[in-house]
N, C-alpha and C. Protein backbone atom coordinates (compact mmCIF):
# COMPACT_ATOMS: atom_id res chain seq x y z
N MET A 1 -12.28 17.52 -7.17
CA MET A 1 -13.54 18.08 -7.07
C MET A 1 -14.14 17.51 -8.33
N TYR A 2 -15.42 17.47 -8.23
CA TYR A 2 -16.75 17.02 -9.07
C TYR A 2 -17.56 17.61 -9.40
N SER A 3 -17.76 18.11 -10.25
CA SER A 3 -18.69 18.69 -11.76
C SER A 3 -19.97 18.27 -10.54
N ILE A 4 -20.59 17.41 -10.62
CA ILE A 4 -22.25 16.89 -10.37
C ILE A 4 -21.80 15.39 -9.15
N GLU A 5 -22.30 15.12 -8.38
CA GLU A 5 -22.00 14.65 -7.21
C GLU A 5 -23.37 14.35 -6.45
N THR A 6 -24.09 13.76 -6.27
CA THR A 6 -25.57 13.51 -5.54
C THR A 6 -25.30 11.99 -4.66
N LYS A 7 -25.77 12.41 -3.30
CA LYS A 7 -25.69 11.67 -2.33
C LYS A 7 -27.01 11.38 -2.02
N SER A 8 -27.53 10.01 -1.69
CA SER A 8 -28.86 9.47 -1.27
C SER A 8 -30.22 10.68 -1.95
N LEU A 9 -30.36 10.72 -3.40
CA LEU A 9 -31.20 10.98 -4.19
C LEU A 9 -32.51 10.87 -3.87
N THR A 10 -33.53 11.51 -3.59
CA THR A 10 -34.65 10.40 -3.14
C THR A 10 -35.79 11.29 -3.91
N LYS A 11 -37.30 11.23 -4.87
CA LYS A 11 -37.96 11.78 -5.29
C LYS A 11 -38.92 10.58 -5.34
N SER A 12 -40.27 12.02 -5.02
CA SER A 12 -41.42 10.40 -5.14
C SER A 12 -43.13 11.87 -5.08
N PHE A 13 -43.60 11.32 -5.91
CA PHE A 13 -45.02 11.99 -6.30
C PHE A 13 -45.84 11.31 -5.53
N GLY A 14 -46.38 11.99 -4.21
CA GLY A 14 -47.24 11.35 -3.28
C GLY A 14 -46.91 10.34 -2.98
N ASP A 15 -47.33 9.19 -2.97
CA ASP A 15 -47.01 7.76 -2.70
C ASP A 15 -46.50 6.73 -3.86
N LEU A 16 -45.93 7.44 -4.68
CA LEU A 16 -45.06 6.88 -6.27
C LEU A 16 -43.52 7.28 -5.68
N ILE A 17 -42.32 6.59 -5.37
CA ILE A 17 -41.41 6.89 -5.43
C ILE A 17 -40.75 6.41 -6.92
N ALA A 18 -40.19 7.60 -7.46
CA ALA A 18 -39.81 7.83 -8.75
C ALA A 18 -38.24 7.84 -8.46
N VAL A 19 -37.77 8.15 -7.65
CA VAL A 19 -35.93 8.16 -7.29
C VAL A 19 -35.71 7.20 -6.24
N ASN A 20 -35.42 6.42 -6.13
CA ASN A 20 -34.76 6.37 -4.95
C ASN A 20 -33.39 5.76 -4.06
N ASP A 21 -33.20 6.87 -3.40
CA ASP A 21 -31.48 6.80 -2.96
C ASP A 21 -30.13 6.82 -3.52
N VAL A 22 -30.21 7.87 -5.05
CA VAL A 22 -29.20 7.02 -5.82
C VAL A 22 -28.72 8.39 -5.82
N SER A 23 -26.99 7.61 -5.44
CA SER A 23 -25.65 8.51 -5.30
C SER A 23 -24.71 8.27 -6.63
N PHE A 24 -24.22 9.29 -7.16
CA PHE A 24 -23.25 9.10 -7.82
C PHE A 24 -22.11 10.43 -8.14
N SER A 25 -21.05 10.14 -8.78
CA SER A 25 -20.51 11.57 -8.85
C SER A 25 -20.09 11.77 -10.35
N VAL A 26 -19.44 12.96 -11.00
CA VAL A 26 -18.90 12.98 -12.30
C VAL A 26 -18.01 14.07 -12.20
N GLU A 27 -16.72 13.55 -12.69
CA GLU A 27 -15.56 14.73 -12.40
C GLU A 27 -15.60 15.49 -13.96
N LYS A 28 -15.25 16.51 -13.45
CA LYS A 28 -15.43 17.87 -14.98
C LYS A 28 -14.18 16.57 -15.75
N GLY A 29 -15.06 16.84 -16.73
CA GLY A 29 -14.65 16.71 -18.74
C GLY A 29 -14.99 15.04 -18.69
N GLU A 30 -15.64 14.49 -17.63
CA GLU A 30 -16.25 12.92 -17.90
C GLU A 30 -16.88 13.08 -18.90
N ILE A 31 -17.17 11.95 -18.82
CA ILE A 31 -18.33 11.87 -20.33
C ILE A 31 -19.46 10.59 -19.62
N PHE A 32 -21.35 11.10 -19.63
CA PHE A 32 -21.56 10.22 -19.00
C PHE A 32 -23.00 9.54 -18.88
N GLY A 33 -23.75 9.00 -18.74
CA GLY A 33 -24.69 8.77 -19.00
C GLY A 33 -25.94 8.05 -18.53
N PHE A 34 -27.25 8.15 -18.38
CA PHE A 34 -27.73 6.79 -17.99
C PHE A 34 -28.03 6.20 -18.83
N LEU A 35 -28.34 4.46 -18.22
CA LEU A 35 -29.09 3.59 -18.61
C LEU A 35 -30.07 2.66 -17.84
N GLY A 36 -30.99 2.21 -18.15
CA GLY A 36 -32.21 1.50 -17.43
C GLY A 36 -33.27 1.76 -18.10
N PRO A 37 -34.43 0.39 -17.67
CA PRO A 37 -35.33 0.81 -18.68
C PRO A 37 -36.53 1.46 -18.15
N ASN A 38 -37.79 1.69 -19.37
CA ASN A 38 -38.52 2.68 -18.94
C ASN A 38 -38.95 2.61 -17.43
N GLY A 39 -39.61 4.07 -17.15
CA GLY A 39 -40.05 4.09 -15.88
C GLY A 39 -38.74 3.68 -14.26
N ALA A 40 -37.97 3.64 -14.78
CA ALA A 40 -36.45 3.68 -13.82
C ALA A 40 -35.82 4.81 -13.26
N GLY A 41 -36.54 5.92 -13.61
CA GLY A 41 -36.41 7.62 -13.11
C GLY A 41 -34.90 8.00 -13.66
N LYS A 42 -34.80 7.55 -15.08
CA LYS A 42 -33.61 8.61 -15.80
C LYS A 42 -33.89 10.02 -15.82
N SER A 43 -35.28 10.46 -16.66
CA SER A 43 -35.54 11.50 -17.00
C SER A 43 -36.00 12.50 -15.57
N THR A 44 -36.75 11.81 -14.44
CA THR A 44 -36.97 12.31 -13.10
C THR A 44 -35.49 12.90 -12.94
N THR A 45 -34.24 12.03 -12.73
CA THR A 45 -32.70 12.65 -12.16
C THR A 45 -32.56 13.61 -13.05
N MET A 46 -32.56 13.57 -14.57
CA MET A 46 -32.07 14.73 -15.12
C MET A 46 -32.79 15.44 -14.75
N MET A 47 -33.74 15.55 -14.58
CA MET A 47 -34.85 16.92 -14.37
C MET A 47 -34.30 17.43 -13.06
N ILE A 48 -33.96 16.53 -12.49
CA ILE A 48 -33.57 17.48 -10.89
C ILE A 48 -32.27 18.15 -10.60
N LEU A 49 -31.13 17.25 -11.71
CA LEU A 49 -30.22 18.28 -11.46
C LEU A 49 -29.85 19.17 -12.47
N LEU A 50 -30.75 19.41 -13.02
CA LEU A 50 -31.20 21.01 -14.92
C LEU A 50 -31.76 22.00 -13.95
N LEU A 51 -32.91 21.26 -12.74
CA LEU A 51 -33.62 22.51 -12.19
C LEU A 51 -32.76 22.76 -10.59
N TYR A 52 -31.86 21.90 -10.08
CA TYR A 52 -31.64 22.50 -8.99
C TYR A 52 -30.70 23.77 -9.13
């Protein structure tokens, strides 16, 4: 069983697609992080997960 799982997560702000088709899972006790360049959608993805 997963603690966090997303399938085809997408978020847009008007015409701007901030997160497009993101899928991942994190098992209980697993340590994970987001890496990527500025504007890649890391903060947006975390906010979606925290506010869901």
